[in-house]
PDB file of N, CA and C in Angstrom:
ATOM      1  N   MET A   1      25.022  -6.926   9.766  1.00  0.00           N
ATOM      2  CA  MET A   1      23.604  -7.173   9.854  1.00  0.00           C
ATOM      3  C   MET A   1      22.932  -6.378   8.767  1.00  0.00           C
ATOM      4  N   GLU A   2      22.151  -7.108   7.925  1.00  0.00           N
ATOM      5  CA  GLU A   2      21.481  -6.358   6.841  1.00  0.00           C
ATOM      6  C   GLU A   2      20.139  -5.696   7.350  1.00  0.00           C
ATOM      7  N   ASP A   3      19.951  -4.499   6.737  1.00  0.00           N
ATOM      8  CA  ASP A   3      18.629  -3.865   7.025  1.00  0.00           C
ATOM      9  C   ASP A   3      17.552  -4.548   6.360  1.00  0.00           C
ATOM     10  N   GLU A   4      16.522  -4.907   7.147  1.00  0.00           N
ATOM     11  CA  GLU A   4      15.332  -5.538   6.543  1.00  0.00           C
ATOM     12  C   GLU A   4      14.449  -4.453   5.865  1.00  0.00           C
ATOM     13  N   THR A   5      13.902  -4.829   4.818  1.00  0.00           N
ATOM     14  CA  THR A   5      12.939  -3.935   4.155  1.00  0.00           C
ATOM     15  C   THR A   5      11.662  -3.878   4.994  1.00  0.00           C
ATOM     16  N   PRO A   6      11.237  -2.649   5.395  1.00  0.00           N
ATOM     17  CA  PRO A   6       9.966  -2.541   6.180  1.00  0.00           C
ATOM     18  C   PRO A   6       8.790  -2.938   5.324  1.00  0.00           C
ATOM     19  N   LEU A   7       7.738  -3.325   6.071  1.00  0.00           N
ATOM     20  CA  LEU A   7       6.463  -3.644   5.384  1.00  0.00           C
ATOM     21  C   LEU A   7       5.494  -2.570   5.729  1.00  0.00           C
ATOM     22  N   CYS A   8       4.606  -2.323   4.679  1.00  0.00           N
ATOM     23  CA  CYS A   8       3.530  -1.282   4.868  1.00  0.00           C
ATOM     24  C   CYS A   8       2.587  -1.786   5.847  1.00  0.00           C
ATOM     25  N   ALA A   9       2.203  -1.034   6.856  1.00  0.00           N
ATOM     26  CA  ALA A   9       1.249  -1.427   7.845  1.00  0.00           C
ATOM     27  C   ALA A   9      -0.163  -1.500   7.243  1.00  0.00           C
ATOM     28  N   LEU A  10      -0.433  -0.842   6.116  1.00  0.00           N
ATOM     29  CA  LEU A  10      -1.749  -0.957   5.556  1.00  0.00           C
ATOM     30  C   LEU A  10      -1.878  -2.182   4.537  1.00  0.00           C
ATOM     31  N   CYS A  11      -0.984  -2.153   3.550  1.00  0.00           N
ATOM     32  CA  CYS A  11      -1.088  -3.172   2.382  1.00  0.00           C
ATOM     33  C   CYS A  11      -0.282  -4.370   2.668  1.00  0.00           C
ATOM     34  N   GLY A  12       0.681  -4.304   3.547  1.00  0.00           N
ATOM     35  CA  GLY A  12       1.560  -5.482   3.757  1.00  0.00           C
ATOM     36  C   GLY A  12       2.689  -5.698   2.816  1.00  0.00           C
ATOM     37  N   ARG A  13       2.750  -4.853   1.810  1.00  0.00           N
ATOM     38  CA  ARG A  13       3.776  -4.990   0.737  1.00  0.00           C
ATOM     39  C   ARG A  13       5.099  -4.450   1.333  1.00  0.00           C
ATOM     40  N   PRO A  14       6.250  -4.910   0.851  1.00  0.00           N
ATOM     41  CA  PRO A  14       7.572  -4.301   1.277  1.00  0.00           C
ATOM     42  C   PRO A  14       7.599  -2.828   0.761  1.00  0.00           C
ATOM     43  N   ILE A  15       8.319  -2.033   1.571  1.00  0.00           N
ATOM     44  CA  ILE A  15       8.528  -0.687   1.097  1.00  0.00           C
ATOM     45  C   ILE A  15      10.094  -0.454   0.804  1.00  0.00           C
ATOM     46  N   PRO A  16      10.325  -0.493  -0.505  1.00  0.00           N
ATOM     47  CA  PRO A  16      11.719  -0.305  -0.887  1.00  0.00           C
ATOM     48  C   PRO A  16      12.287   1.060  -0.480  1.00  0.00           C
ATOM     49  N   LYS A  17      13.576   1.037  -0.339  1.00  0.00           N
ATOM     50  CA  LYS A  17      14.298   2.202   0.268  1.00  0.00           C
ATOM     51  C   LYS A  17      14.057   3.474  -0.532  1.00  0.00           C
ATOM     52  N   ASP A  18      13.865   3.299  -1.833  1.00  0.00           N
ATOM     53  CA  ASP A  18      13.753   4.467  -2.764  1.00  0.00           C
ATOM     54  C   ASP A  18      12.208   4.818  -3.072  1.00  0.00           C
ATOM     55  N   ALA A  19      11.291   4.012  -2.452  1.00  0.00           N
ATOM     56  CA  ALA A  19       9.903   4.262  -2.701  1.00  0.00           C
ATOM     57  C   ALA A  19       9.425   5.396  -1.850  1.00  0.00           C
ATOM     58  N   PRO A  20       8.442   6.240  -2.253  1.00  0.00           N
ATOM     59  CA  PRO A  20       7.841   7.216  -1.477  1.00  0.00           C
ATOM     60  C   PRO A  20       7.136   6.561  -0.279  1.00  0.00           C
ATOM     61  N   GLN A  21       7.446   7.119   0.847  1.00  0.00           N
ATOM     62  CA  GLN A  21       6.912   6.495   2.131  1.00  0.00           C
ATOM     63  C   GLN A  21       6.718   7.548   3.211  1.00  0.00           C
ATOM     64  N   SER A  22       5.922   7.173   4.183  1.00  0.00           N
ATOM     65  CA  SER A  22       5.707   8.196   5.199  1.00  0.00           C
ATOM     66  C   SER A  22       5.233   7.561   6.563  1.00  0.00           C
ATOM     67  N   LEU A  23       5.269   8.242   7.650  1.00  0.00           N
ATOM     68  CA  LEU A  23       4.812   7.742   8.888  1.00  0.00           C
ATOM     69  C   LEU A  23       3.402   8.298   9.158  1.00  0.00           C
ATOM     70  N   HIS A  24       2.506   7.352   9.643  1.00  0.00           N
ATOM     71  CA  HIS A  24       1.087   7.745   9.858  1.00  0.00           C
ATOM     72  C   HIS A  24       0.954   7.654  11.346  1.00  0.00           C
ATOM     73  N   HIS A  25       0.478   8.767  11.957  1.00  0.00           N
ATOM     74  CA  HIS A  25       0.140   8.772  13.391  1.00  0.00           C
ATOM     75  C   HIS A  25      -1.196   7.992  13.520  1.00  0.00           C
ATOM     76  N   LEU A  26      -1.189   7.002  14.379  1.00  0.00           N
ATOM     77  CA  LEU A  26      -2.494   6.176  14.482  1.00  0.00           C
ATOM     78  C   LEU A  26      -3.566   6.920  15.215  1.00  0.00           C
ATOM     79  N   VAL A  27      -3.166   7.933  15.993  1.00  0.00           N
ATOM     80  CA  VAL A  27      -4.106   8.900  16.554  1.00  0.00           C
ATOM     81  C   VAL A  27      -3.618  10.263  15.906  1.00  0.00           C
ATOM     82  N   PRO A  28      -4.520  10.944  15.093  1.00  0.00           N
ATOM     83  CA  PRO A  28      -4.044  12.085  14.467  1.00  0.00           C
ATOM     84  C   PRO A  28      -3.434  13.200  15.430  1.00  0.00           C
ATOM     85  N   LYS A  29      -2.393  13.786  15.069  1.00  0.00           N
ATOM     86  CA  LYS A  29      -1.724  14.825  15.897  1.00  0.00           C
ATOM     87  C   LYS A  29      -2.781  15.857  16.354  1.00  0.00           C
ATOM     88  N   LEU A  30      -3.657  16.252  15.492  1.00  0.00           N
ATOM     89  CA  LEU A  30      -4.675  17.275  15.823  1.00  0.00           C
ATOM     90  C   LEU A  30      -5.652  16.808  16.823  1.00  0.00           C
ATOM     91  N   LYS A  31      -5.711  15.467  17.066  1.00  0.00           N
ATOM     92  CA  LYS A  31      -6.692  14.978  18.011  1.00  0.00           C
ATOM     93  C   LYS A  31      -5.958  14.344  19.154  1.00  0.00           C
ATOM     94  N   GLY A  32      -4.760  14.815  19.486  1.00  0.00           N
ATOM     95  CA  GLY A  32      -4.020  14.335  20.685  1.00  0.00           C
ATOM     96  C   GLY A  32      -2.965  13.265  20.537  1.00  0.00           C
ATOM     97  N   GLY A  33      -2.695  13.001  19.269  1.00  0.00           N
ATOM     98  CA  GLY A  33      -1.750  11.895  18.921  1.00  0.00           C
ATOM     99  C   GLY A  33      -0.301  12.306  18.777  1.00  0.00           C
ATOM    100  N   LYS A  34      -0.044  13.610  19.008  1.00  0.00           N
ATOM    101  CA  LYS A  34       1.395  13.997  18.841  1.00  0.00           C
ATOM    102  C   LYS A  34       2.270  13.289  19.876  1.00  0.00           C
ATOM    103  N   GLY A  35       3.303  12.557  19.327  1.00  0.00           N
ATOM    104  CA  GLY A  35       4.183  11.772  20.197  1.00  0.00           C
ATOM    105  C   GLY A  35       3.649  10.393  20.446  1.00  0.00           C
ATOM    106  N   GLY A  36       2.414  10.060  19.837  1.00  0.00           N
ATOM    107  CA  GLY A  36       1.884   8.757  19.960  1.00  0.00           C
ATOM    108  C   GLY A  36       2.429   7.726  18.912  1.00  0.00           C
ATOM    109  N   PRO A  37       1.841   6.595  18.873  1.00  0.00           N
ATOM    110  CA  PRO A  37       2.479   5.545  17.942  1.00  0.00           C
ATOM    111  C   PRO A  37       2.268   5.894  16.488  1.00  0.00           C
ATOM    112  N   THR A  38       3.201   5.544  15.756  1.00  0.00           N
ATOM    113  CA  THR A  38       3.158   5.734  14.215  1.00  0.00           C
ATOM    114  C   THR A  38       3.428   4.409  13.633  1.00  0.00           C
ATOM    115  N   VAL A  39       2.957   4.373  12.288  1.00  0.00           N
ATOM    116  CA  VAL A  39       3.327   3.161  11.458  1.00  0.00           C
ATOM    117  C   VAL A  39       3.822   3.661  10.137  1.00  0.00           C
ATOM    118  N   ARG A  40       4.828   2.925   9.519  1.00  0.00           N
ATOM    119  CA  ARG A  40       5.370   3.301   8.259  1.00  0.00           C
ATOM    120  C   ARG A  40       4.383   2.739   7.154  1.00  0.00           C
ATOM    121  N   LEU A  41       4.135   3.624   6.164  1.00  0.00           N
ATOM    122  CA  LEU A  41       3.272   3.273   5.019  1.00  0.00           C
ATOM    123  C   LEU A  41       3.907   3.684   3.789  1.00  0.00           C
ATOM    124  N   HIS A  42       3.488   3.090   2.701  1.00  0.00           N
ATOM    125  CA  HIS A  42       3.717   3.628   1.336  1.00  0.00           C
ATOM    126  C   HIS A  42       2.999   4.980   1.291  1.00  0.00           C
ATOM    127  N   HIS A  43       3.614   5.862   0.558  1.00  0.00           N
ATOM    128  CA  HIS A  43       2.967   7.227   0.455  1.00  0.00           C
ATOM    129  C   HIS A  43       1.506   7.100  -0.189  1.00  0.00           C
ATOM    130  N   ILE A  44       1.363   6.217  -1.216  1.00  0.00           N
ATOM    131  CA  ILE A  44       0.019   6.025  -1.748  1.00  0.00           C
ATOM    132  C   ILE A  44      -0.936   5.527  -0.714  1.00  0.00           C
ATOM    133  N   CYS A  45      -0.533   4.571   0.135  1.00  0.00           N
ATOM    134  CA  CYS A  45      -1.428   4.051   1.142  1.00  0.00           C
ATOM    135  C   CYS A  45      -1.852   5.122   2.208  1.00  0.00           C
ATOM    136  N   HIS A  46      -0.894   5.939   2.552  1.00  0.00           N
ATOM    137  CA  HIS A  46      -1.118   7.007   3.444  1.00  0.00           C
ATOM    138  C   HIS A  46      -2.136   8.112   2.902  1.00  0.00           C
ATOM    139  N   LYS A  47      -1.849   8.369   1.623  1.00  0.00           N
ATOM    140  CA  LYS A  47      -2.825   9.321   0.959  1.00  0.00           C
ATOM    141  C   LYS A  47      -4.274   8.784   0.902  1.00  0.00           C
ATOM    142  N   GLU A  48      -4.334   7.442   0.652  1.00  0.00           N
ATOM    143  CA  GLU A  48      -5.720   6.881   0.638  1.00  0.00           C
ATOM    144  C   GLU A  48      -6.426   6.918   1.955  1.00  0.00           C
ATOM    145  N   ILE A  49      -5.653   6.697   2.999  1.00  0.00           N
ATOM    146  CA  ILE A  49      -6.271   6.760   4.335  1.00  0.00           C
ATOM    147  C   ILE A  49      -6.917   8.168   4.537  1.00  0.00           C
ATOM    148  N   HIS A  50      -6.122   9.116   4.235  1.00  0.00           N
ATOM    149  CA  HIS A  50      -6.576  10.617   4.458  1.00  0.00           C
ATOM    150  C   HIS A  50      -7.649  10.966   3.446  1.00  0.00           C
ATOM    151  N   ALA A  51      -7.650  10.440   2.291  1.00  0.00           N
ATOM    152  CA  ALA A  51      -8.699  10.666   1.329  1.00  0.00           C
ATOM    153  C   ALA A  51     -10.058  10.023   1.739  1.00  0.00           C
ATOM    154  N   THR A  52      -9.881   8.945   2.626  1.00  0.00           N
ATOM    155  CA  THR A  52     -11.136   8.171   2.966  1.00  0.00           C
ATOM    156  C   THR A  52     -11.737   8.697   4.207  1.00  0.00           C
ATOM    157  N   LEU A  53     -10.935   8.913   5.201  1.00  0.00           N
ATOM    158  CA  LEU A  53     -11.401   9.230   6.661  1.00  0.00           C
ATOM    159  C   LEU A  53     -10.954  10.620   7.110  1.00  0.00           C
ATOM    160  N   THR A  54     -11.856  11.180   7.875  1.00  0.00           N
ATOM    161  CA  THR A  54     -11.587  12.447   8.507  1.00  0.00           C
ATOM    162  C   THR A  54     -10.688  12.258   9.706  1.00  0.00           C
ATOM    163  N   GLU A  55     -10.113  13.330  10.195  1.00  0.00           N
ATOM    164  CA  GLU A  55      -9.268  13.264  11.376  1.00  0.00           C
ATOM    165  C   GLU A  55     -10.151  12.752  12.542  1.00  0.00           C
ATOM    166  N   ALA A  56     -11.364  13.187  12.636  1.00  0.00           N
ATOM    167  CA  ALA A  56     -12.169  12.757  13.722  1.00  0.00           C
ATOM    168  C   ALA A  56     -12.541  11.275  13.626  1.00  0.00           C
ATOM    169  N   GLU A  57     -12.812  10.779  12.460  1.00  0.00           N
ATOM    170  CA  GLU A  57     -13.022   9.381  12.315  1.00  0.00           C
ATOM    171  C   GLU A  57     -11.875   8.563  12.631  1.00  0.00           C
ATOM    172  N   LEU A  58     -10.702   8.929  12.145  1.00  0.00           N
ATOM    173  CA  LEU A  58      -9.447   8.301  12.510  1.00  0.00           C
ATOM    174  C   LEU A  58      -9.251   8.179  13.968  1.00  0.00           C
ATOM    175  N   ALA A  59      -9.459   9.298  14.686  1.00  0.00           N
ATOM    176  CA  ALA A  59      -9.246   9.309  16.223  1.00  0.00           C
ATOM    177  C   ALA A  59     -10.300   8.422  16.883  1.00  0.00           C
ATOM    178  N   ARG A  60     -11.496   8.507  16.351  1.00  0.00           N
ATOM    179  CA  ARG A  60     -12.622   7.800  17.093  1.00  0.00           C
ATOM    180  C   ARG A  60     -12.573   6.245  16.849  1.00  0.00           C
ATOM    181  N   SER A  61     -12.315   5.916  15.560  1.00  0.00           N
ATOM    182  CA  SER A  61     -12.611   4.428  15.272  1.00  0.00           C
ATOM    183  C   SER A  61     -11.531   3.771  14.566  1.00  0.00           C
ATOM    184  N   TYR A  62     -10.442   4.354  14.128  1.00  0.00           N
ATOM    185  CA  TYR A  62      -9.437   3.746  13.215  1.00  0.00           C
ATOM    186  C   TYR A  62      -8.037   4.019  13.720  1.00  0.00           C
ATOM    187  N   THR A  63      -7.776   3.596  14.998  1.00  0.00           N
ATOM    188  CA  THR A  63      -6.592   3.820  15.642  1.00  0.00           C
ATOM    189  C   THR A  63      -5.569   2.652  15.629  1.00  0.00           C
ATOM    190  N   THR A  64      -5.868   1.566  14.790  1.00  0.00           N
ATOM    191  CA  THR A  64      -4.949   0.519  14.628  1.00  0.00           C
ATOM    192  C   THR A  64      -4.882   0.111  13.104  1.00  0.00           C
ATOM    193  N   PRO A  65      -3.774  -0.454  12.732  1.00  0.00           N
ATOM    194  CA  PRO A  65      -3.755  -0.909  11.275  1.00  0.00           C
ATOM    195  C   PRO A  65      -4.898  -1.866  10.979  1.00  0.00           C
ATOM    196  N   GLU A  66      -5.295  -2.745  11.955  1.00  0.00           N
ATOM    197  CA  GLU A  66      -6.329  -3.677  11.725  1.00  0.00           C
ATOM    198  C   GLU A  66      -7.673  -2.961  11.457  1.00  0.00           C
ATOM    199  N   ALA A  67      -7.998  -1.978  12.250  1.00  0.00           N
ATOM    200  CA  ALA A  67      -9.230  -1.229  12.001  1.00  0.00           C
ATOM    201  C   ALA A  67      -9.165  -0.633  10.623  1.00  0.00           C
ATOM    202  N   LEU A  68      -8.076   0.055  10.260  1.00  0.00           N
ATOM    203  CA  LEU A  68      -7.975   0.722   8.998  1.00  0.00           C
ATOM    204  C   LEU A  68      -8.210  -0.339   7.846  1.00  0.00           C
ATOM    205  N   ARG A  69      -7.541  -1.540   7.976  1.00  0.00           N
ATOM    206  CA  ARG A  69      -7.724  -2.559   6.886  1.00  0.00           C
ATOM    207  C   ARG A  69      -9.175  -3.079   6.821  1.00  0.00           C
ATOM    208  N   ALA A  70      -9.952  -2.935   7.907  1.00  0.00           N
ATOM    209  CA  ALA A  70     -11.346  -3.389   7.928  1.00  0.00           C
ATOM    210  C   ALA A  70     -12.299  -2.412   7.258  1.00  0.00           C
ATOM    211  N   HIS A  71     -11.865  -1.204   7.102  1.00  0.00           N
ATOM    212  CA  HIS A  71     -12.809  -0.166   6.462  1.00  0.00           C
ATOM    213  C   HIS A  71     -13.074  -0.637   5.056  1.00  0.00           C
ATOM    214  N   PRO A  72     -14.280  -0.593   4.580  1.00  0.00           N
ATOM    215  CA  PRO A  72     -14.716  -1.144   3.246  1.00  0.00           C
ATOM    216  C   PRO A  72     -13.901  -0.508   2.113  1.00  0.00           C
ATOM    217  N   ARG A  73     -13.860   0.759   2.084  1.00  0.00           N
ATOM    218  CA  ARG A  73     -13.159   1.468   0.975  1.00  0.00           C
ATOM    219  C   ARG A  73     -11.640   1.127   1.006  1.00  0.00           C
ATOM    220  N   LEU A  74     -11.029   1.127   2.141  1.00  0.00           N
ATOM    221  CA  LEU A  74      -9.656   0.831   2.342  1.00  0.00           C
ATOM    222  C   LEU A  74      -9.372  -0.663   1.936  1.00  0.00           C
ATOM    223  N   ALA A  75     -10.286  -1.537   2.328  1.00  0.00           N
ATOM    224  CA  ALA A  75     -10.136  -2.961   1.942  1.00  0.00           C
ATOM    225  C   ALA A  75     -10.158  -3.095   0.452  1.00  0.00           C
ATOM    226  N   ARG A  76     -10.952  -2.402  -0.266  1.00  0.00           N
ATOM    227  CA  ARG A  76     -10.961  -2.437  -1.702  1.00  0.00           C
ATOM    228  C   ARG A  76      -9.662  -1.861  -2.270  1.00  0.00           C
ATOM    229  N   PHE A  77      -9.231  -0.773  -1.746  1.00  0.00           N
ATOM    230  CA  PHE A  77      -7.936  -0.169  -2.105  1.00  0.00           C
ATOM    231  C   PHE A  77      -6.808  -1.166  -1.986  1.00  0.00           C
ATOM    232  N   ILE A  78      -6.773  -1.735  -0.763  1.00  0.00           N
ATOM    233  CA  ILE A  78      -5.687  -2.711  -0.467  1.00  0.00           C
ATOM    234  C   ILE A  78      -5.712  -3.907  -1.471  1.00  0.00           C
ATOM    235  N   ALA A  79      -6.859  -4.451  -1.827  1.00  0.00           N
ATOM    236  CA  ALA A  79      -6.979  -5.550  -2.730  1.00  0.00           C
ATOM    237  C   ALA A  79      -6.342  -5.028  -4.135  1.00  0.00           C
ATOM    238  N   TRP A  80      -6.636  -3.806  -4.540  1.00  0.00           N
ATOM    239  CA  TRP A  80      -6.175  -3.238  -5.758  1.00  0.00           C
ATOM    240  C   TRP A  80      -4.618  -3.052  -5.763  1.00  0.00           C
ATOM    241  N   VAL A  81      -4.147  -2.433  -4.684  1.00  0.00           N
ATOM    242  CA  VAL A  81      -2.772  -1.989  -4.619  1.00  0.00           C
ATOM    243  C   VAL A  81      -1.820  -3.195  -4.428  1.00  0.00           C
ATOM    244  N   ARG A  82      -2.341  -4.184  -3.769  1.00  0.00           N
ATOM    245  CA  ARG A  82      -1.442  -5.463  -3.588  1.00  0.00           C
ATOM    246  C   ARG A  82      -1.019  -6.039  -4.923  1.00  0.00           C
ATOM    247  N   LYS A  83      -1.769  -5.750  -6.023  1.00  0.00           N
ATOM    248  CA  LYS A  83      -1.367  -6.306  -7.272  1.00  0.00           C
ATOM    249  C   LYS A  83      -0.274  -5.516  -8.064  1.00  0.00           C
ATOM    250  N   ARG A  84       0.036  -4.320  -7.326  1.00  0.00           N
ATOM    251  CA  ARG A  84       1.078  -3.444  -7.922  1.00  0.00           C
ATOM    252  C   ARG A  84       2.451  -3.798  -7.329  1.00  0.00           C
ATOM    253  N   PRO A  85       3.525  -3.363  -8.019  1.00  0.00           N
ATOM    254  CA  PRO A  85       4.864  -3.627  -7.413  1.00  0.00           C
ATOM    255  C   PRO A  85       5.029  -2.812  -6.171  1.00  0.00           C
ATOM    256  N   PRO A  86       5.987  -3.235  -5.336  1.00  0.00           N
ATOM    257  CA  PRO A  86       6.128  -2.585  -4.046  1.00  0.00           C
ATOM    258  C   PRO A  86       6.498  -1.083  -4.137  1.00  0.00           C
ATOM    259  N   GLY A  87       7.099  -0.638  -5.194  1.00  0.00           N
ATOM    260  CA  GLY A  87       7.542   0.755  -5.320  1.00  0.00           C
ATOM    261  C   GLY A  87       6.453   1.553  -6.104  1.00  0.00           C
ATOM    262  N   PHE A  88       5.347   0.944  -6.411  1.00  0.00           N
ATOM    263  CA  PHE A  88       4.268   1.642  -7.205  1.00  0.00           C
ATOM    264  C   PHE A  88       3.812   2.909  -6.430  1.00  0.00           C
ATOM    265  N   ASN A  89       3.586   3.988  -7.179  1.00  0.00           N
ATOM    266  CA  ASN A  89       3.087   5.251  -6.638  1.00  0.00           C
ATOM    267  C   ASN A  89       2.255   5.896  -7.745  1.00  0.00           C
ATOM    268  N   ALA A  90       1.069   6.349  -7.339  1.00  0.00           N
ATOM    269  CA  ALA A  90       0.213   7.079  -8.301  1.00  0.00           C
ATOM    270  C   ALA A  90      -0.789   7.868  -7.412  1.00  0.00           C
ATOM    271  N   ARG A  91      -1.662   8.580  -8.071  1.00  0.00           N
ATOM    272  CA  ARG A  91      -2.580   9.334  -7.310  1.00  0.00           C
ATOM    273  C   ARG A  91      -3.534   8.312  -6.577  1.00  0.00           C
ATOM    274  N   SER A  92      -4.085   8.750  -5.500  1.00  0.00           N
ATOM    275  CA  SER A  92      -5.018   7.842  -4.765  1.00  0.00           C
ATOM    276  C   SER A  92      -6.221   7.431  -5.724  1.00  0.00           C
ATOM    277  N   THR A  93      -6.813   6.288  -5.520  1.00  0.00           N
ATOM    278  CA  THR A  93      -7.711   5.742  -6.442  1.00  0.00           C
ATOM    279  C   THR A  93      -9.057   6.442  -6.486  1.00  0.00           C
ATOM    280  N   GLY A  94      -9.443   7.048  -5.352  1.00  0.00           N
ATOM    281  CA  GLY A  94     -10.828   7.603  -5.267  1.00  0.00           C
ATOM    282  C   GLY A  94     -10.720   9.119  -5.024  1.00  0.00           C
ATOM    283  N   GLY A  95     -11.866   9.765  -5.169  1.00  0.00           N
ATOM    284  CA  GLY A  95     -11.904  11.178  -4.845  1.00  0.00           C
ATOM    285  C   GLY A  95     -11.770  11.412  -3.363  1.00  0.00           C
ATOM    286  N   ARG A  96     -11.733  12.762  -2.991  1.00  0.00           N
ATOM    287  CA  ARG A  96     -11.718  13.121  -1.658  1.00  0.00           C
ATOM    288  C   ARG A  96     -12.943  12.773  -0.906  1.00  0.00           C
ATOM    289  N   ARG A  97     -12.910  12.505   0.364  1.00  0.00           N
ATOM    290  CA  ARG A  97     -14.103  12.216   1.135  1.00  0.00           C
ATOM    291  C   ARG A  97     -15.065  13.415   1.072  1.00  0.00           C
ATOM    292  N   LYS A  98     -16.390  13.157   1.284  1.00  0.00           N
ATOM    293  CA  LYS A  98     -17.289  14.188   1.392  1.00  0.00           C
ATOM    294  C   LYS A  98     -17.216  14.802   2.768  1.00  0.00           C
ATOM    295  N   ARG A  99     -17.213  16.124   2.762  1.00  0.00           N
ATOM    296  CA  ARG A  99     -17.088  16.759   4.067  1.00  0.00           C
ATOM    297  C   ARG A  99     -18.468  17.282   4.583  1.00  0.00           C
TER     298      ARG A  99
END
């Protein structure tokens, strides 16, 4: 049985075995999500989520991949990154969120 290439829960692109990747806790660990559901993401997609949203915002309103994809900044990021090859990695596209 062949291993299937996983898909990124944010952008939907395949995640090659050698591409930087990470697991994202849908409810942040600091907000009670330790041991909770996780999704596999490209590292660049994971970095963009945390550059866009605070831990509190993630815990309050963005606990599913669908909710994350609906966020306006993340939707623009997804449209941009989907044009890149699956193994593409770079700095996140925008600056850090305002605190």
